[in-house]
Amino acid sequence: MTANQDLRPASAWGAIGALSAGIAVLAEAVGAHALRGMLEPDMLEVFQLAARYQMLHALGLLATAWAIDRGGHPAVQRAAWLFIAGTIFFSGGLYAEAFAAQHMLGMTAPLGGLCFIAGWLSLAWGLWRRRPS
């Protein structure tokens, strides 16, 4: 691959998934060590929930990369976008809520949850309708 070539979609989704997983591990570590005395216990739980869901959906992105690499259906790529949107709205909203202690900031979490659900359904459909490799 030359420097000017784009990553194949599977490689890009895999890289994004791995990066998101790494950030989730970092968030869990920061939450367990640095934030324990800084945040109220209920806000620390919110922060940890955000990190947990980010990790789960980073793994979902890795699954989409695997499926795309094996002749994935377009619904699989849709699932990847939905996992990213869900992470931004759900985890991002909860991270912001934990730091600001403002419940209004977490109001994007339900939208993120819907994106996660739609992503898993889209992945299921894409795997069911997969093109032969």
C-alpha atoms as a PDB file:
ATOM      1  CA  MET A   1       0.000   0.000   0.000  1.00  0.00           C
ATOM      2  CA  THR A   2       1.389   3.388  -0.935  1.00  0.00           C
ATOM      3  CA  ALA A   3       1.106   6.444   1.265  1.00  0.00           C
ATOM      4  CA  ASN A   4      -1.544   7.897  -1.047  1.00  0.00           C
ATOM      5  CA  GLN A   5      -3.872   4.912  -0.956  1.00  0.00           C
ATOM      6  CA  ASP A   6      -6.841   4.972   1.367  1.00  0.00           C
ATOM      7  CA  LEU A   7      -7.350   2.223   3.882  1.00  0.00           C
ATOM      8  CA  ARG A   8      -9.817  -0.436   2.833  1.00  0.00           C
ATOM      9  CA  PRO A   9     -13.113   0.081   4.668  1.00  0.00           C
ATOM     10  CA  ALA A  10     -12.494  -2.950   6.881  1.00  0.00           C
ATOM     11  CA  SER A  11      -9.084  -1.600   7.902  1.00  0.00           C
ATOM     12  CA  ALA A  12     -10.513   1.829   8.661  1.00  0.00           C
ATOM     13  CA  TRP A  13     -13.361   0.438  10.790  1.00  0.00           C
ATOM     14  CA  GLY A  14     -10.949  -1.898  12.566  1.00  0.00           C
ATOM     15  CA  ALA A  15      -8.572   0.969  13.311  1.00  0.00           C
ATOM     16  CA  ILE A  16     -11.397   3.162  14.610  1.00  0.00           C
ATOM     17  CA  GLY A  17     -12.695   0.284  16.738  1.00  0.00           C
ATOM     18  CA  ALA A  18      -9.261  -0.406  18.201  1.00  0.00           C
ATOM     19  CA  LEU A  19      -8.703   3.302  18.910  1.00  0.00           C
ATOM     20  CA  SER A  20     -12.102   3.559  20.599  1.00  0.00           C
ATOM     21  CA  ALA A  21     -11.329   0.475  22.708  1.00  0.00           C
ATOM     22  CA  GLY A  22      -8.023   1.999  23.781  1.00  0.00           C
ATOM     23  CA  ILE A  23      -9.765   5.230  24.766  1.00  0.00           C
ATOM     24  CA  ALA A  24     -12.336   3.223  26.727  1.00  0.00           C
ATOM     25  CA  VAL A  25      -9.580   1.401  28.647  1.00  0.00           C
ATOM     26  CA  LEU A  26      -7.923   4.745  29.374  1.00  0.00           C
ATOM     27  CA  ALA A  27     -11.260   6.168  30.553  1.00  0.00           C
ATOM     28  CA  GLU A  28     -11.796   3.201  32.873  1.00  0.00           C
ATOM     29  CA  ALA A  29      -8.296   3.602  34.309  1.00  0.00           C
ATOM     30  CA  VAL A  30      -8.759   7.341  34.825  1.00  0.00           C
ATOM     31  CA  GLY A  31     -12.154   6.696  36.405  1.00  0.00           C
ATOM     32  CA  ALA A  32     -10.818   4.017  38.729  1.00  0.00           C
ATOM     33  CA  HIS A  33      -7.792   5.990  39.880  1.00  0.00           C
ATOM     34  CA  ALA A  34      -7.813   9.722  39.169  1.00  0.00           C
ATOM     35  CA  LEU A  35     -11.518  10.522  39.351  1.00  0.00           C
ATOM     36  CA  ARG A  36     -12.470   8.492  42.404  1.00  0.00           C
ATOM     37  CA  GLY A  37     -12.014  11.450  44.760  1.00  0.00           C
ATOM     38  CA  MET A  38     -12.907  14.161  42.252  1.00  0.00           C
ATOM     39  CA  LEU A  39     -16.385  13.071  41.192  1.00  0.00           C
ATOM     40  CA  GLU A  40     -19.408  12.355  43.319  1.00  0.00           C
ATOM     41  CA  PRO A  41     -20.041   8.584  43.513  1.00  0.00           C
ATOM     42  CA  ASP A  42     -23.147   8.769  41.315  1.00  0.00           C
ATOM     43  CA  MET A  43     -21.267  10.778  38.664  1.00  0.00           C
ATOM     44  CA  LEU A  44     -18.370   8.312  38.815  1.00  0.00           C
ATOM     45  CA  GLU A  45     -20.877   5.541  38.050  1.00  0.00           C
ATOM     46  CA  VAL A  46     -22.156   7.564  35.084  1.00  0.00           C
ATOM     47  CA  PHE A  47     -18.574   7.979  33.837  1.00  0.00           C
ATOM     48  CA  GLN A  48     -17.871   4.250  34.209  1.00  0.00           C
ATOM     49  CA  LEU A  49     -21.108   3.371  32.384  1.00  0.00           C
ATOM     50  CA  ALA A  50     -20.016   5.592  29.492  1.00  0.00           C
ATOM     51  CA  ALA A  51     -16.637   3.821  29.322  1.00  0.00           C
ATOM     52  CA  ARG A  52     -18.258   0.370  29.489  1.00  0.00           C
ATOM     53  CA  TYR A  53     -20.626   1.123  26.617  1.00  0.00           C
ATOM     54  CA  GLN A  54     -17.813   2.671  24.605  1.00  0.00           C
ATOM     55  CA  MET A  55     -15.802  -0.547  24.989  1.00  0.00           C
ATOM     56  CA  LEU A  56     -18.731  -2.768  24.032  1.00  0.00           C
ATOM     57  CA  HIS A  57     -19.355  -0.790  20.886  1.00  0.00           C
ATOM     58  CA  ALA A  58     -15.662  -0.572  20.023  1.00  0.00           C
ATOM     59  CA  LEU A  59     -15.850  -4.368  19.916  1.00  0.00           C
ATOM     60  CA  GLY A  60     -18.913  -3.972  17.704  1.00  0.00           C
ATOM     61  CA  LEU A  61     -16.806  -1.866  15.331  1.00  0.00           C
ATOM     62  CA  LEU A  62     -14.189  -4.613  15.248  1.00  0.00           C
ATOM     63  CA  ALA A  63     -16.964  -7.081  14.374  1.00  0.00           C
ATOM     64  CA  THR A  64     -18.086  -4.822  11.527  1.00  0.00           C
ATOM     65  CA  ALA A  65     -14.518  -4.653  10.212  1.00  0.00           C
ATOM     66  CA  TRP A  66     -14.372  -8.454  10.253  1.00  0.00           C
ATOM     67  CA  ALA A  67     -17.733  -8.719   8.461  1.00  0.00           C
ATOM     68  CA  ILE A  68     -16.832  -6.102   5.830  1.00  0.00           C
ATOM     69  CA  ASP A  69     -13.564  -7.904   5.140  1.00  0.00           C
ATOM     70  CA  ARG A  70     -15.547 -11.052   4.383  1.00  0.00           C
ATOM     71  CA  GLY A  71     -17.847  -9.491   1.813  1.00  0.00           C
ATOM     72  CA  GLY A  72     -20.125  -7.621   4.145  1.00  0.00           C
ATOM     73  CA  HIS A  73     -23.570  -6.396   3.189  1.00  0.00           C
ATOM     74  CA  PRO A  74     -24.028  -2.568   3.101  1.00  0.00           C
ATOM     75  CA  ALA A  75     -26.028  -2.856   6.345  1.00  0.00           C
ATOM     76  CA  VAL A  76     -22.784  -3.794   8.105  1.00  0.00           C
ATOM     77  CA  GLN A  77     -21.201  -0.470   7.151  1.00  0.00           C
ATOM     78  CA  ARG A  78     -24.374   1.259   8.367  1.00  0.00           C
ATOM     79  CA  ALA A  79     -23.921  -0.556  11.686  1.00  0.00           C
ATOM     80  CA  ALA A  80     -20.408   0.858  12.000  1.00  0.00           C
ATOM     81  CA  TRP A  81     -21.685   4.415  11.510  1.00  0.00           C
ATOM     82  CA  LEU A  82     -24.451   3.792  14.045  1.00  0.00           C
ATOM     83  CA  PHE A  83     -21.951   2.471  16.606  1.00  0.00           C
ATOM     84  CA  ILE A  84     -19.869   5.619  16.166  1.00  0.00           C
ATOM     85  CA  ALA A  85     -22.931   7.867  16.483  1.00  0.00           C
ATOM     86  CA  GLY A  86     -24.057   5.911  19.536  1.00  0.00           C
ATOM     87  CA  THR A  87     -20.662   6.287  21.161  1.00  0.00           C
ATOM     88  CA  ILE A  88     -20.659  10.032  20.545  1.00  0.00           C
ATOM     89  CA  PHE A  89     -24.220  10.587  21.777  1.00  0.00           C
ATOM     90  CA  PHE A  90     -24.383   7.996  24.573  1.00  0.00           C
ATOM     91  CA  SER A  91     -20.867   7.811  25.955  1.00  0.00           C
ATOM     92  CA  GLY A  92     -19.960  11.385  25.034  1.00  0.00           C
ATOM     93  CA  GLY A  93     -23.117  12.722  26.655  1.00  0.00           C
ATOM     94  CA  LEU A  94     -22.523  10.707  29.810  1.00  0.00           C
ATOM     95  CA  TYR A  95     -18.848  11.730  30.004  1.00  0.00           C
ATOM     96  CA  ALA A  96     -19.940  15.366  29.761  1.00  0.00           C
ATOM     97  CA  GLU A  97     -22.656  14.836  32.365  1.00  0.00           C
ATOM     98  CA  ALA A  98     -20.195  13.229  34.789  1.00  0.00           C
ATOM     99  CA  PHE A  99     -17.755  16.132  34.567  1.00  0.00           C
ATOM    100  CA  ALA A 100     -20.292  18.934  34.604  1.00  0.00           C
ATOM    101  CA  ALA A 101     -22.744  17.209  36.998  1.00  0.00           C
ATOM    102  CA  GLN A 102     -25.491  18.560  34.750  1.00  0.00           C
ATOM    103  CA  HIS A 103     -28.149  16.027  33.831  1.00  0.00           C
ATOM    104  CA  MET A 104     -29.051  18.078  30.768  1.00  0.00           C
ATOM    105  CA  LEU A 105     -25.740  17.084  29.184  1.00  0.00           C
ATOM    106  CA  GLY A 106     -26.694  13.424  29.400  1.00  0.00           C
ATOM    107  CA  MET A 107     -29.901  14.039  27.472  1.00  0.00           C
ATOM    108  CA  THR A 108     -28.217  12.774  24.304  1.00  0.00           C
ATOM    109  CA  ALA A 109     -27.809   9.316  25.877  1.00  0.00           C
ATOM    110  CA  PRO A 110     -31.250   8.036  24.774  1.00  0.00           C
ATOM    111  CA  LEU A 111     -30.458   9.009  21.172  1.00  0.00           C
ATOM    112  CA  GLY A 112     -27.138   7.208  21.510  1.00  0.00           C
ATOM    113  CA  GLY A 113     -28.909   4.166  22.911  1.00  0.00           C
ATOM    114  CA  LEU A 114     -31.225   4.125  19.901  1.00  0.00           C
ATOM    115  CA  CYS A 115     -28.180   4.321  17.618  1.00  0.00           C
ATOM    116  CA  PHE A 116     -26.627   1.358  19.447  1.00  0.00           C
ATOM    117  CA  ILE A 117     -29.806  -0.703  19.084  1.00  0.00           C
ATOM    118  CA  ALA A 118     -30.151   0.213  15.413  1.00  0.00           C
ATOM    119  CA  GLY A 119     -26.466  -0.623  14.897  1.00  0.00           C
ATOM    120  CA  TRP A 120     -26.814  -4.126  16.348  1.00  0.00           C
ATOM    121  CA  LEU A 121     -29.971  -4.736  14.298  1.00  0.00           C
ATOM    122  CA  SER A 122     -28.221  -3.476  11.170  1.00  0.00           C
ATOM    123  CA  LEU A 123     -25.222  -5.707  11.884  1.00  0.00           C
ATOM    124  CA  ALA A 124     -27.518  -8.694  12.375  1.00  0.00           C
ATOM    125  CA  TRP A 125     -29.287  -7.957   9.088  1.00  0.00           C
ATOM    126  CA  GLY A 126     -25.987  -7.452   7.287  1.00  0.00           C
ATOM    127  CA  LEU A 127     -24.601 -10.730   8.579  1.00  0.00           C
ATOM    128  CA  TRP A 128     -27.816 -12.535   7.651  1.00  0.00           C
ATOM    129  CA  ARG A 129     -27.766 -11.098   4.122  1.00  0.00           C
ATOM    130  CA  ARG A 130     -23.993 -11.338   3.684  1.00  0.00           C
ATOM    131  CA  ARG A 131     -22.608 -11.628   0.210  1.00  0.00           C
ATOM    132  CA  PRO A 132     -20.534 -14.792  -0.310  1.00  0.00           C
ATOM    133  CA  SER A 133     -16.802 -14.109  -0.176  1.00  0.00           C
END
